[in-house]
Amino acid sequence: MGSEVILVPIMFGVLFGIFYLYISARNKERLALIEKGADASIFYSSTRRATPMWKVIIINLAFLLMGIGLGTLIAEGFVQGFGMDEEVAFPGVIFFMAGLGLFTGYYVTKKLNKDA
């Protein structure tokens, strides 16, 4: 009971901290540009067409979910085939395959940006 009371504010605090750091860093960067007298058009370059953000999110989410599903399947094979302990096999293989999925998604997104 006590861990839920502590965990929820910590989760919201982490999300707030990430959002705050993103906004404050962007503000400091833009203020530095204004002080130097540089043009802000460097953030909005029209010569390079970037992949839309929703495509990047969908691709990475798809590879993440495929990695989790494949990790669950492989972990079940380890448990059934090799008699591995479930508490070890499932988290280890699922996290490994999810990371591999995100790694693959990164390279697919990089290739997609290069083609665009």
PDB file of N, CA and C in Angstrom:
ATOM      1  N   MET A   1       0.824  -1.197   0.000  1.00  0.00           N
ATOM      2  CA  MET A   1       0.000   0.000   0.000  1.00  0.00           C
ATOM      3  C   MET A   1       0.862   1.253   0.000  1.00  0.00           C
ATOM      4  N   GLY A   2       1.945   1.244   0.757  1.00  0.00           N
ATOM      5  CA  GLY A   2       2.779   2.424   0.865  1.00  0.00           C
ATOM      6  C   GLY A   2       3.566   2.738  -0.390  1.00  0.00           C
ATOM      7  N   SER A   3       3.928   1.701  -1.157  1.00  0.00           N
ATOM      8  CA  SER A   3       4.739   1.947  -2.343  1.00  0.00           C
ATOM      9  C   SER A   3       3.965   2.677  -3.429  1.00  0.00           C
ATOM     10  N   GLU A   4       2.650   2.450  -3.516  1.00  0.00           N
ATOM     11  CA  GLU A   4       1.848   3.160  -4.514  1.00  0.00           C
ATOM     12  C   GLU A   4       1.771   4.645  -4.195  1.00  0.00           C
ATOM     13  N   VAL A   5       1.726   4.951  -2.924  1.00  0.00           N
ATOM     14  CA  VAL A   5       1.635   6.349  -2.507  1.00  0.00           C
ATOM     15  C   VAL A   5       2.924   7.092  -2.871  1.00  0.00           C
ATOM     16  N   ILE A   6       4.028   6.412  -2.818  1.00  0.00           N
ATOM     17  CA  ILE A   6       5.313   7.033  -3.131  1.00  0.00           C
ATOM     18  C   ILE A   6       5.580   7.014  -4.637  1.00  0.00           C
ATOM     19  N   LEU A   7       5.180   5.952  -5.302  1.00  0.00           N
ATOM     20  CA  LEU A   7       5.512   5.759  -6.709  1.00  0.00           C
ATOM     21  C   LEU A   7       4.810   6.755  -7.634  1.00  0.00           C
ATOM     22  N   VAL A   8       3.552   7.056  -7.391  1.00  0.00           N
ATOM     23  CA  VAL A   8       2.794   7.953  -8.271  1.00  0.00           C
ATOM     24  C   VAL A   8       3.377   9.371  -8.287  1.00  0.00           C
ATOM     25  N   PRO A   9       3.668   9.985  -7.131  1.00  0.00           N
ATOM     26  CA  PRO A   9       4.287  11.316  -7.190  1.00  0.00           C
ATOM     27  C   PRO A   9       5.673  11.301  -7.837  1.00  0.00           C
ATOM     28  N   ILE A  10       6.416  10.229  -7.655  1.00  0.00           N
ATOM     29  CA  ILE A  10       7.733  10.141  -8.286  1.00  0.00           C
ATOM     30  C   ILE A  10       7.588  10.099  -9.799  1.00  0.00           C
ATOM     31  N   MET A  11       6.623   9.332 -10.307  1.00  0.00           N
ATOM     32  CA  MET A  11       6.399   9.260 -11.758  1.00  0.00           C
ATOM     33  C   MET A  11       6.009  10.621 -12.318  1.00  0.00           C
ATOM     34  N   PHE A  12       5.084  11.310 -11.647  1.00  0.00           N
ATOM     35  CA  PHE A  12       4.693  12.637 -12.106  1.00  0.00           C
ATOM     36  C   PHE A  12       5.852  13.626 -11.993  1.00  0.00           C
ATOM     37  N   GLY A  13       6.654  13.499 -10.955  1.00  0.00           N
ATOM     38  CA  GLY A  13       7.819  14.368 -10.803  1.00  0.00           C
ATOM     39  C   GLY A  13       8.841  14.167 -11.915  1.00  0.00           C
ATOM     40  N   VAL A  14       9.061  12.933 -12.302  1.00  0.00           N
ATOM     41  CA  VAL A  14       9.996  12.650 -13.388  1.00  0.00           C
ATOM     42  C   VAL A  14       9.473  13.230 -14.697  1.00  0.00           C
ATOM     43  N   LEU A  15       8.195  13.045 -14.984  1.00  0.00           N
ATOM     44  CA  LEU A  15       7.619  13.604 -16.204  1.00  0.00           C
ATOM     45  C   LEU A  15       7.701  15.131 -16.209  1.00  0.00           C
ATOM     46  N   PHE A  16       7.399  15.749 -15.072  1.00  0.00           N
ATOM     47  CA  PHE A  16       7.502  17.203 -14.971  1.00  0.00           C
ATOM     48  C   PHE A  16       8.946  17.653 -15.162  1.00  0.00           C
ATOM     49  N   GLY A  17       9.898  16.928 -14.565  1.00  0.00           N
ATOM     50  CA  GLY A  17      11.309  17.284 -14.686  1.00  0.00           C
ATOM     51  C   GLY A  17      11.789  17.216 -16.123  1.00  0.00           C
ATOM     52  N   ILE A  18      11.385  16.181 -16.852  1.00  0.00           N
ATOM     53  CA  ILE A  18      11.783  16.062 -18.248  1.00  0.00           C
ATOM     54  C   ILE A  18      11.204  17.202 -19.059  1.00  0.00           C
ATOM     55  N   PHE A  19       9.932  17.498 -18.862  1.00  0.00           N
ATOM     56  CA  PHE A  19       9.277  18.581 -19.588  1.00  0.00           C
ATOM     57  C   PHE A  19       9.928  19.922 -19.257  1.00  0.00           C
ATOM     58  N   TYR A  20      10.213  20.168 -17.976  1.00  0.00           N
ATOM     59  CA  TYR A  20      10.825  21.413 -17.546  1.00  0.00           C
ATOM     60  C   TYR A  20      12.220  21.582 -18.146  1.00  0.00           C
ATOM     61  N   LEU A  21      13.022  20.519 -18.131  1.00  0.00           N
ATOM     62  CA  LEU A  21      14.365  20.607 -18.695  1.00  0.00           C
ATOM     63  C   LEU A  21      14.324  20.861 -20.198  1.00  0.00           C
ATOM     64  N   TYR A  22      13.378  20.257 -20.892  1.00  0.00           N
ATOM     65  CA  TYR A  22      13.249  20.469 -22.326  1.00  0.00           C
ATOM     66  C   TYR A  22      12.918  21.932 -22.619  1.00  0.00           C
ATOM     67  N   ILE A  23      11.937  22.477 -21.908  1.00  0.00           N
ATOM     68  CA  ILE A  23      11.516  23.862 -22.141  1.00  0.00           C
ATOM     69  C   ILE A  23      12.623  24.842 -21.749  1.00  0.00           C
ATOM     70  N   SER A  24      13.252  24.629 -20.598  1.00  0.00           N
ATOM     71  CA  SER A  24      14.278  25.582 -20.153  1.00  0.00           C
ATOM     72  C   SER A  24      15.514  25.529 -21.044  1.00  0.00           C
ATOM     73  N   ALA A  25      15.904  24.343 -21.517  1.00  0.00           N
ATOM     74  CA  ALA A  25      17.067  24.253 -22.404  1.00  0.00           C
ATOM     75  C   ALA A  25      16.783  24.935 -23.735  1.00  0.00           C
ATOM     76  N   ARG A  26      15.573  24.753 -24.247  1.00  0.00           N
ATOM     77  CA  ARG A  26      15.211  25.394 -25.513  1.00  0.00           C
ATOM     78  C   ARG A  26      15.203  26.916 -25.359  1.00  0.00           C
ATOM     79  N   ASN A  27      14.701  27.385 -24.218  1.00  0.00           N
ATOM     80  CA  ASN A  27      14.651  28.825 -23.963  1.00  0.00           C
ATOM     81  C   ASN A  27      16.063  29.404 -23.863  1.00  0.00           C
ATOM     82  N   LYS A  28      16.953  28.720 -23.157  1.00  0.00           N
ATOM     83  CA  LYS A  28      18.330  29.204 -23.017  1.00  0.00           C
ATOM     84  C   LYS A  28      19.035  29.236 -24.371  1.00  0.00           C
ATOM     85  N   GLU A  29      18.784  28.232 -25.190  1.00  0.00           N
ATOM     86  CA  GLU A  29      19.410  28.183 -26.503  1.00  0.00           C
ATOM     87  C   GLU A  29      18.931  29.338 -27.375  1.00  0.00           C
ATOM     88  N   ARG A  30      17.665  29.631 -27.323  1.00  0.00           N
ATOM     89  CA  ARG A  30      17.128  30.735 -28.129  1.00  0.00           C
ATOM     90  C   ARG A  30      17.590  32.084 -27.608  1.00  0.00           C
ATOM     91  N   LEU A  31      17.698  32.219 -26.284  1.00  0.00           N
ATOM     92  CA  LEU A  31      18.227  33.471 -25.728  1.00  0.00           C
ATOM     93  C   LEU A  31      19.683  33.687 -26.140  1.00  0.00           C
ATOM     94  N   ALA A  32      20.455  32.604 -26.188  1.00  0.00           N
ATOM     95  CA  ALA A  32      21.843  32.727 -26.636  1.00  0.00           C
ATOM     96  C   ALA A  32      21.902  33.153 -28.102  1.00  0.00           C
ATOM     97  N   LEU A  33      20.978  32.666 -28.907  1.00  0.00           N
ATOM     98  CA  LEU A  33      20.922  33.082 -30.311  1.00  0.00           C
ATOM     99  C   LEU A  33      20.601  34.562 -30.430  1.00  0.00           C
ATOM    100  N   ILE A  34      19.673  35.027 -29.610  1.00  0.00           N
ATOM    101  CA  ILE A  34      19.292  36.442 -29.648  1.00  0.00           C
ATOM    102  C   ILE A  34      20.472  37.314 -29.228  1.00  0.00           C
ATOM    103  N   GLU A  35      21.221  36.892 -28.184  1.00  0.00           N
ATOM    104  CA  GLU A  35      22.366  37.668 -27.721  1.00  0.00           C
ATOM    105  C   GLU A  35      23.456  37.772 -28.787  1.00  0.00           C
ATOM    106  N   LYS A  36      23.642  36.693 -29.536  1.00  0.00           N
ATOM    107  CA  LYS A  36      24.671  36.708 -30.576  1.00  0.00           C
ATOM    108  C   LYS A  36      24.189  37.392 -31.841  1.00  0.00           C
ATOM    109  N   GLY A  37      22.891  37.605 -31.947  1.00  0.00           N
ATOM    110  CA  GLY A  37      22.346  38.241 -33.132  1.00  0.00           C
ATOM    111  C   GLY A  37      22.176  37.284 -34.299  1.00  0.00           C
ATOM    112  N   ALA A  38      22.182  36.000 -34.029  1.00  0.00           N
ATOM    113  CA  ALA A  38      22.041  35.001 -35.089  1.00  0.00           C
ATOM    114  C   ALA A  38      20.580  34.888 -35.506  1.00  0.00           C
ATOM    115  N   ASP A  39      20.384  34.405 -36.715  1.00  0.00           N
ATOM    116  CA  ASP A  39      19.042  34.233 -37.247  1.00  0.00           C
ATOM    117  C   ASP A  39      18.474  32.910 -36.740  1.00  0.00           C
ATOM    118  N   ALA A  40      17.222  32.908 -36.367  1.00  0.00           N
ATOM    119  CA  ALA A  40      16.581  31.706 -35.825  1.00  0.00           C
ATOM    120  C   ALA A  40      16.170  30.729 -36.913  1.00  0.00           C
ATOM    121  N   SER A  41      16.468  31.040 -38.155  1.00  0.00           N
ATOM    122  CA  SER A  41      16.060  30.146 -39.239  1.00  0.00           C
ATOM    123  C   SER A  41      16.864  28.849 -39.254  1.00  0.00           C
ATOM    124  N   ILE A  42      17.927  28.754 -38.449  1.00  0.00           N
ATOM    125  CA  ILE A  42      18.684  27.505 -38.413  1.00  0.00           C
ATOM    126  C   ILE A  42      17.852  26.366 -37.835  1.00  0.00           C
ATOM    127  N   PHE A  43      16.825  26.695 -37.042  1.00  0.00           N
ATOM    128  CA  PHE A  43      15.951  25.655 -36.497  1.00  0.00           C
ATOM    129  C   PHE A  43      14.937  25.178 -37.520  1.00  0.00           C
ATOM    130  N   TYR A  44      14.657  25.985 -38.502  1.00  0.00           N
ATOM    131  CA  TYR A  44      13.615  25.686 -39.473  1.00  0.00           C
ATOM    132  C   TYR A  44      14.197  25.655 -40.880  1.00  0.00           C
ATOM    133  N   SER A  45      15.133  24.772 -41.103  1.00  0.00           N
ATOM    134  CA  SER A  45      15.789  24.678 -42.399  1.00  0.00           C
ATOM    135  C   SER A  45      14.833  24.070 -43.425  1.00  0.00           C
ATOM    136  N   SER A  46      14.638  24.747 -44.533  1.00  0.00           N
ATOM    137  CA  SER A  46      13.721  24.257 -45.552  1.00  0.00           C
ATOM    138  C   SER A  46      14.443  23.418 -46.601  1.00  0.00           C
ATOM    139  N   THR A  47      15.774  23.380 -46.572  1.00  0.00           N
ATOM    140  CA  THR A  47      16.502  22.610 -47.577  1.00  0.00           C
ATOM    141  C   THR A  47      16.446  21.111 -47.293  1.00  0.00           C
ATOM    142  N   ARG A  48      16.334  20.720 -46.055  1.00  0.00           N
ATOM    143  CA  ARG A  48      16.311  19.301 -45.688  1.00  0.00           C
ATOM    144  C   ARG A  48      14.916  18.945 -45.207  1.00  0.00           C
ATOM    145  N   ARG A  49      14.311  17.989 -45.873  1.00  0.00           N
ATOM    146  CA  ARG A  49      12.969  17.554 -45.489  1.00  0.00           C
ATOM    147  C   ARG A  49      13.081  16.423 -44.488  1.00  0.00           C
ATOM    148  N   ALA A  50      12.605  16.624 -43.293  1.00  0.00           N
ATOM    149  CA  ALA A  50      12.691  15.615 -42.249  1.00  0.00           C
ATOM    150  C   ALA A  50      11.441  14.731 -42.263  1.00  0.00           C
ATOM    151  N   THR A  51      11.599  13.538 -41.744  1.00  0.00           N
ATOM    152  CA  THR A  51      10.476  12.616 -41.640  1.00  0.00           C
ATOM    153  C   THR A  51       9.511  13.142 -40.583  1.00  0.00           C
ATOM    154  N   PRO A  52       8.209  13.088 -40.837  1.00  0.00           N
ATOM    155  CA  PRO A  52       7.250  13.552 -39.833  1.00  0.00           C
ATOM    156  C   PRO A  52       7.383  12.773 -38.522  1.00  0.00           C
ATOM    157  N   MET A  53       7.170  13.473 -37.420  1.00  0.00           N
ATOM    158  CA  MET A  53       7.377  12.885 -36.104  1.00  0.00           C
ATOM    159  C   MET A  53       6.446  11.704 -35.851  1.00  0.00           C
ATOM    160  N   TRP A  54       5.230  11.753 -36.377  1.00  0.00           N
ATOM    161  CA  TRP A  54       4.293  10.663 -36.126  1.00  0.00           C
ATOM    162  C   TRP A  54       4.781   9.372 -36.774  1.00  0.00           C
ATOM    163  N   LYS A  55       5.487   9.467 -37.903  1.00  0.00           N
ATOM    164  CA  LYS A  55       6.028   8.255 -38.532  1.00  0.00           C
ATOM    165  C   LYS A  55       7.140   7.656 -37.679  1.00  0.00           C
ATOM    166  N   VAL A  56       7.972   8.503 -37.134  1.00  0.00           N
ATOM    167  CA  VAL A  56       9.066   8.032 -36.292  1.00  0.00           C
ATOM    168  C   VAL A  56       8.517   7.328 -35.050  1.00  0.00           C
ATOM    169  N   ILE A  57       7.508   7.925 -34.423  1.00  0.00           N
ATOM    170  CA  ILE A  57       6.915   7.338 -33.228  1.00  0.00           C
ATOM    171  C   ILE A  57       6.259   5.998 -33.553  1.00  0.00           C
ATOM    172  N   ILE A  58       5.514   5.940 -34.649  1.00  0.00           N
ATOM    173  CA  ILE A  58       4.831   4.694 -35.023  1.00  0.00           C
ATOM    174  C   ILE A  58       5.846   3.599 -35.333  1.00  0.00           C
ATOM    175  N   ILE A  59       6.908   3.932 -36.084  1.00  0.00           N
ATOM    176  CA  ILE A  59       7.912   2.921 -36.431  1.00  0.00           C
ATOM    177  C   ILE A  59       8.594   2.393 -35.173  1.00  0.00           C
ATOM    178  N   ASN A  60       9.026   3.288 -34.289  1.00  0.00           N
ATOM    179  CA  ASN A  60       9.710   2.845 -33.077  1.00  0.00           C
ATOM    180  C   ASN A  60       8.784   2.075 -32.148  1.00  0.00           C
ATOM    181  N   LEU A  61       7.529   2.497 -32.037  1.00  0.00           N
ATOM    182  CA  LEU A  61       6.566   1.774 -31.210  1.00  0.00           C
ATOM    183  C   LEU A  61       6.295   0.392 -31.782  1.00  0.00           C
ATOM    184  N   ALA A  62       6.201   0.295 -33.109  1.00  0.00           N
ATOM    185  CA  ALA A  62       5.961  -1.005 -33.741  1.00  0.00           C
ATOM    186  C   ALA A  62       7.127  -1.955 -33.480  1.00  0.00           C
ATOM    187  N   PHE A  63       8.355  -1.474 -33.650  1.00  0.00           N
ATOM    188  CA  PHE A  63       9.504  -2.339 -33.399  1.00  0.00           C
ATOM    189  C   PHE A  63       9.618  -2.703 -31.924  1.00  0.00           C
ATOM    190  N   LEU A  64       9.270  -1.780 -31.036  1.00  0.00           N
ATOM    191  CA  LEU A  64       9.289  -2.079 -29.607  1.00  0.00           C
ATOM    192  C   LEU A  64       8.292  -3.179 -29.270  1.00  0.00           C
ATOM    193  N   LEU A  65       7.069  -3.049 -29.760  1.00  0.00           N
ATOM    194  CA  LEU A  65       6.048  -4.061 -29.467  1.00  0.00           C
ATOM    195  C   LEU A  65       6.374  -5.409 -30.106  1.00  0.00           C
ATOM    196  N   MET A  66       6.943  -5.386 -31.312  1.00  0.00           N
ATOM    197  CA  MET A  66       7.364  -6.644 -31.935  1.00  0.00           C
ATOM    198  C   MET A  66       8.484  -7.295 -31.124  1.00  0.00           C
ATOM    199  N   GLY A  67       9.401  -6.483 -30.607  1.00  0.00           N
ATOM    200  CA  GLY A  67      10.475  -7.016 -29.775  1.00  0.00           C
ATOM    201  C   GLY A  67       9.952  -7.621 -28.489  1.00  0.00           C
ATOM    202  N   ILE A  68       8.967  -6.972 -27.864  1.00  0.00           N
ATOM    203  CA  ILE A  68       8.382  -7.512 -26.634  1.00  0.00           C
ATOM    204  C   ILE A  68       7.658  -8.826 -26.922  1.00  0.00           C
ATOM    205  N   GLY A  69       6.906  -8.862 -28.010  1.00  0.00           N
ATOM    206  CA  GLY A  69       6.197 -10.095 -28.367  1.00  0.00           C
ATOM    207  C   GLY A  69       7.160 -11.227 -28.685  1.00  0.00           C
ATOM    208  N   LEU A  70       8.189 -10.939 -29.464  1.00  0.00           N
ATOM    209  CA  LEU A  70       9.172 -11.959 -29.793  1.00  0.00           C
ATOM    210  C   LEU A  70       9.949 -12.391 -28.550  1.00  0.00           C
ATOM    211  N   GLY A  71      10.227 -11.447 -27.664  1.00  0.00           N
ATOM    212  CA  GLY A  71      10.916 -11.781 -26.416  1.00  0.00           C
ATOM    213  C   GLY A  71      10.092 -12.697 -25.540  1.00  0.00           C
ATOM    214  N   THR A  72       8.783 -12.467 -25.485  1.00  0.00           N
ATOM    215  CA  THR A  72       7.903 -13.344 -24.714  1.00  0.00           C
ATOM    216  C   THR A  72       7.899 -14.750 -25.309  1.00  0.00           C
ATOM    217  N   LEU A  73       7.844 -14.833 -26.624  1.00  0.00           N
ATOM    218  CA  LEU A  73       7.847 -16.129 -27.297  1.00  0.00           C
ATOM    219  C   LEU A  73       9.164 -16.875 -27.066  1.00  0.00           C
ATOM    220  N   ILE A  74      10.277 -16.194 -27.198  1.00  0.00           N
ATOM    221  CA  ILE A  74      11.582 -16.833 -26.988  1.00  0.00           C
ATOM    222  C   ILE A  74      11.756 -17.244 -25.530  1.00  0.00           C
ATOM    223  N   ALA A  75      11.308 -16.390 -24.599  1.00  0.00           N
ATOM    224  CA  ALA A  75      11.428 -16.726 -23.178  1.00  0.00           C
ATOM    225  C   ALA A  75      10.607 -17.963 -22.847  1.00  0.00           C
ATOM    226  N   GLU A  76       9.425 -18.078 -23.417  1.00  0.00           N
ATOM    227  CA  GLU A  76       8.608 -19.275 -23.184  1.00  0.00           C
ATOM    228  C   GLU A  76       9.306 -20.504 -23.746  1.00  0.00           C
ATOM    229  N   GLY A  77       9.981 -20.339 -24.885  1.00  0.00           N
ATOM    230  CA  GLY A  77      10.765 -21.453 -25.435  1.00  0.00           C
ATOM    231  C   GLY A  77      11.909 -21.853 -24.523  1.00  0.00           C
ATOM    232  N   PHE A  78      12.573 -20.872 -23.910  1.00  0.00           N
ATOM    233  CA  PHE A  78      13.635 -21.182 -22.958  1.00  0.00           C
ATOM    234  C   PHE A  78      13.101 -21.933 -21.748  1.00  0.00           C
ATOM    235  N   VAL A  79      11.936 -21.497 -21.269  1.00  0.00           N
ATOM    236  CA  VAL A  79      11.355 -22.143 -20.088  1.00  0.00           C
ATOM    237  C   VAL A  79      10.938 -23.568 -20.416  1.00  0.00           C
ATOM    238  N   GLN A  80      10.245 -23.754 -21.538  1.00  0.00           N
ATOM    239  CA  GLN A  80       9.749 -25.083 -21.900  1.00  0.00           C
ATOM    240  C   GLN A  80      10.877 -25.997 -22.396  1.00  0.00           C
ATOM    241  N   GLY A  81      11.745 -25.469 -23.242  1.00  0.00           N
ATOM    242  CA  GLY A  81      12.766 -26.306 -23.871  1.00  0.00           C
ATOM    243  C   GLY A  81      13.963 -26.600 -22.992  1.00  0.00           C
ATOM    244  N   PHE A  82      14.471 -25.581 -22.317  1.00  0.00           N
ATOM    245  CA  PHE A  82      15.693 -25.743 -21.540  1.00  0.00           C
ATOM    246  C   PHE A  82      15.443 -25.832 -20.038  1.00  0.00           C
ATOM    247  N   GLY A  83      14.203 -25.681 -19.620  1.00  0.00           N
ATOM    248  CA  GLY A  83      13.880 -25.756 -18.195  1.00  0.00           C
ATOM    249  C   GLY A  83      14.420 -24.581 -17.402  1.00  0.00           C
ATOM    250  N   MET A  84      14.568 -23.441 -18.039  1.00  0.00           N
ATOM    251  CA  MET A  84      15.080 -22.245 -17.373  1.00  0.00           C
ATOM    252  C   MET A  84      14.047 -21.718 -16.381  1.00  0.00           C
ATOM    253  N   ASP A  85      14.495 -21.029 -15.379  1.00  0.00           N
ATOM    254  CA  ASP A  85      13.603 -20.449 -14.382  1.00  0.00           C
ATOM    255  C   ASP A  85      12.818 -19.292 -15.005  1.00  0.00           C
ATOM    256  N   GLU A  86      11.500 -19.249 -14.797  1.00  0.00           N
ATOM    257  CA  GLU A  86      10.654 -18.209 -15.399  1.00  0.00           C
ATOM    258  C   GLU A  86      11.027 -16.814 -14.934  1.00  0.00           C
ATOM    259  N   GLU A  87      11.394 -16.670 -13.666  1.00  0.00           N
ATOM    260  CA  GLU A  87      11.717 -15.345 -13.127  1.00  0.00           C
ATOM    261  C   GLU A  87      12.976 -14.766 -13.756  1.00  0.00           C
ATOM    262  N   VAL A  88      13.794 -15.600 -14.337  1.00  0.00           N
ATOM    263  CA  VAL A  88      15.010 -15.135 -14.988  1.00  0.00           C
ATOM    264  C   VAL A  88      14.786 -14.979 -16.489  1.00  0.00           C
ATOM    265  N   ALA A  89      14.134 -15.949 -17.085  1.00  0.00           N
ATOM    266  CA  ALA A  89      14.003 -15.986 -18.545  1.00  0.00           C
ATOM    267  C   ALA A  89      13.139 -14.849 -19.068  1.00  0.00           C
ATOM    268  N   PHE A  90      11.966 -14.659 -18.487  1.00  0.00           N
ATOM    269  CA  PHE A  90      11.037 -13.687 -19.053  1.00  0.00           C
ATOM    270  C   PHE A  90      11.548 -12.252 -18.999  1.00  0.00           C
ATOM    271  N   PRO A  91      11.942 -11.716 -17.850  1.00  0.00           N
ATOM    272  CA  PRO A  91      12.422 -10.318 -17.871  1.00  0.00           C
ATOM    273  C   PRO A  91      13.676 -10.131 -18.717  1.00  0.00           C
ATOM    274  N   GLY A  92      14.603 -11.075 -18.616  1.00  0.00           N
ATOM    275  CA  GLY A  92      15.852 -10.923 -19.352  1.00  0.00           C
ATOM    276  C   GLY A  92      15.651 -10.901 -20.855  1.00  0.00           C
ATOM    277  N   VAL A  93      14.914 -11.874 -21.366  1.00  0.00           N
ATOM    278  CA  VAL A  93      14.730 -11.963 -22.815  1.00  0.00           C
ATOM    279  C   VAL A  93      13.809 -10.856 -23.314  1.00  0.00           C
ATOM    280  N   ILE A  94      12.781 -10.515 -22.561  1.00  0.00           N
ATOM    281  CA  ILE A  94      11.859  -9.462 -22.998  1.00  0.00           C
ATOM    282  C   ILE A  94      12.581  -8.121 -23.074  1.00  0.00           C
ATOM    283  N   PHE A  95      13.361  -7.774 -22.059  1.00  0.00           N
ATOM    284  CA  PHE A  95      14.085  -6.499 -22.099  1.00  0.00           C
ATOM    285  C   PHE A  95      15.135  -6.486 -23.201  1.00  0.00           C
ATOM    286  N   PHE A  96      15.808  -7.622 -23.397  1.00  0.00           N
ATOM    287  CA  PHE A  96      16.806  -7.697 -24.462  1.00  0.00           C
ATOM    288  C   PHE A  96      16.157  -7.499 -25.826  1.00  0.00           C
ATOM    289  N   MET A  97      15.067  -8.179 -26.074  1.00  0.00           N
ATOM    290  CA  MET A  97      14.410  -8.091 -27.376  1.00  0.00           C
ATOM    291  C   MET A  97      13.752  -6.717 -27.572  1.00  0.00           C
ATOM    292  N   ALA A  98      13.232  -6.116 -26.497  1.00  0.00           N
ATOM    293  CA  ALA A  98      12.670  -4.765 -26.611  1.00  0.00           C
ATOM    294  C   ALA A  98      13.768  -3.768 -26.965  1.00  0.00           C
ATOM    295  N   GLY A  99      14.932  -3.902 -26.339  1.00  0.00           N
ATOM    296  CA  GLY A  99      16.060  -3.037 -26.681  1.00  0.00           C
ATOM    297  C   GLY A  99      16.535  -3.253 -28.101  1.00  0.00           C
ATOM    298  N   LEU A 100      16.558  -4.502 -28.539  1.00  0.00           N
ATOM    299  CA  LEU A 100      16.929  -4.806 -29.915  1.00  0.00           C
ATOM    300  C   LEU A 100      15.919  -4.220 -30.892  1.00  0.00           C
ATOM    301  N   GLY A 101      14.635  -4.243 -30.519  1.00  0.00           N
ATOM    302  CA  GLY A 101      13.600  -3.636 -31.356  1.00  0.00           C
ATOM    303  C   GLY A 101      13.773  -2.131 -31.467  1.00  0.00           C
ATOM    304  N   LEU A 102      14.075  -1.472 -30.358  1.00  0.00           N
ATOM    305  CA  LEU A 102      14.308  -0.027 -30.397  1.00  0.00           C
ATOM    306  C   LEU A 102      15.565   0.314 -31.190  1.00  0.00           C
ATOM    307  N   PHE A 103      16.583  -0.522 -31.077  1.00  0.00           N
ATOM    308  CA  PHE A 103      17.808  -0.325 -31.846  1.00  0.00           C
ATOM    309  C   PHE A 103      17.525  -0.454 -33.338  1.00  0.00           C
ATOM    310  N   THR A 104      16.738  -1.438 -33.709  1.00  0.00           N
ATOM    311  CA  THR A 104      16.352  -1.617 -35.106  1.00  0.00           C
ATOM    312  C   THR A 104      15.506  -0.440 -35.583  1.00  0.00           C
ATOM    313  N   GLY A 105      14.588   0.012 -34.741  1.00  0.00           N
ATOM    314  CA  GLY A 105      13.759   1.162 -35.087  1.00  0.00           C
ATOM    315  C   GLY A 105      14.584   2.420 -35.311  1.00  0.00           C
ATOM    316  N   TYR A 106      15.647   2.569 -34.537  1.00  0.00           N
ATOM    317  CA  TYR A 106      16.536   3.717 -34.706  1.00  0.00           C
ATOM    318  C   TYR A 106      17.172   3.697 -36.093  1.00  0.00           C
ATOM    319  N   TYR A 107      17.678   2.542 -36.501  1.00  0.00           N
ATOM    320  CA  TYR A 107      18.329   2.460 -37.806  1.00  0.00           C
ATOM    321  C   TYR A 107      17.341   2.582 -38.956  1.00  0.00           C
ATOM    322  N   VAL A 108      16.125   2.071 -38.780  1.00  0.00           N
ATOM    323  CA  VAL A 108      15.117   2.235 -39.827  1.00  0.00           C
ATOM    324  C   VAL A 108      14.733   3.709 -39.946  1.00  0.00           C
ATOM    325  N   THR A 109      14.594   4.393 -38.831  1.00  0.00           N
ATOM    326  CA  THR A 109      14.271   5.824 -38.848  1.00  0.00           C
ATOM    327  C   THR A 109      15.402   6.625 -39.475  1.00  0.00           C
ATOM    328  N   LYS A 110      16.646   6.253 -39.162  1.00  0.00           N
ATOM    329  CA  LYS A 110      17.792   6.943 -39.741  1.00  0.00           C
ATOM    330  C   LYS A 110      17.818   6.769 -41.262  1.00  0.00           C
ATOM    331  N   LYS A 111      17.504   5.571 -41.721  1.00  0.00           N
ATOM    332  CA  LYS A 111      17.461   5.311 -43.157  1.00  0.00           C
ATOM    333  C   LYS A 111      16.300   6.078 -43.792  1.00  0.00           C
ATOM    334  N   LEU A 112      15.181   6.158 -43.080  1.00  0.00           N
ATOM    335  CA  LEU A 112      14.017   6.882 -43.581  1.00  0.00           C
ATOM    336  C   LEU A 112      14.326   8.369 -43.712  1.00  0.00           C
ATOM    337  N   ASN A 113      15.068   8.926 -42.761  1.00  0.00           N
ATOM    338  CA  ASN A 113      15.470  10.336 -42.828  1.00  0.00           C
ATOM    339  C   ASN A 113      16.448  10.582 -43.979  1.00  0.00           C
ATOM    340  N   LYS A 114      17.294   9.604 -44.251  1.00  0.00           N
ATOM    341  CA  LYS A 114      18.276   9.749 -45.328  1.00  0.00           C
ATOM    342  C   LYS A 114      17.582   9.727 -46.692  1.00  0.00           C
ATOM    343  N   ASP A 115      16.533   8.896 -46.814  1.00  0.00           N
ATOM    344  CA  ASP A 115      15.794   8.798 -48.076  1.00  0.00           C
ATOM    345  C   ASP A 115      14.923  10.000 -48.336  1.00  0.00           C
ATOM    346  N   ALA A 116      14.449  10.651 -47.264  1.00  0.00           N
ATOM    347  CA  ALA A 116      13.507  11.769 -47.428  1.00  0.00           C
ATOM    348  C   ALA A 116      14.171  13.002 -47.977  1.00  0.00           C
TER     349      ALA A 116
END
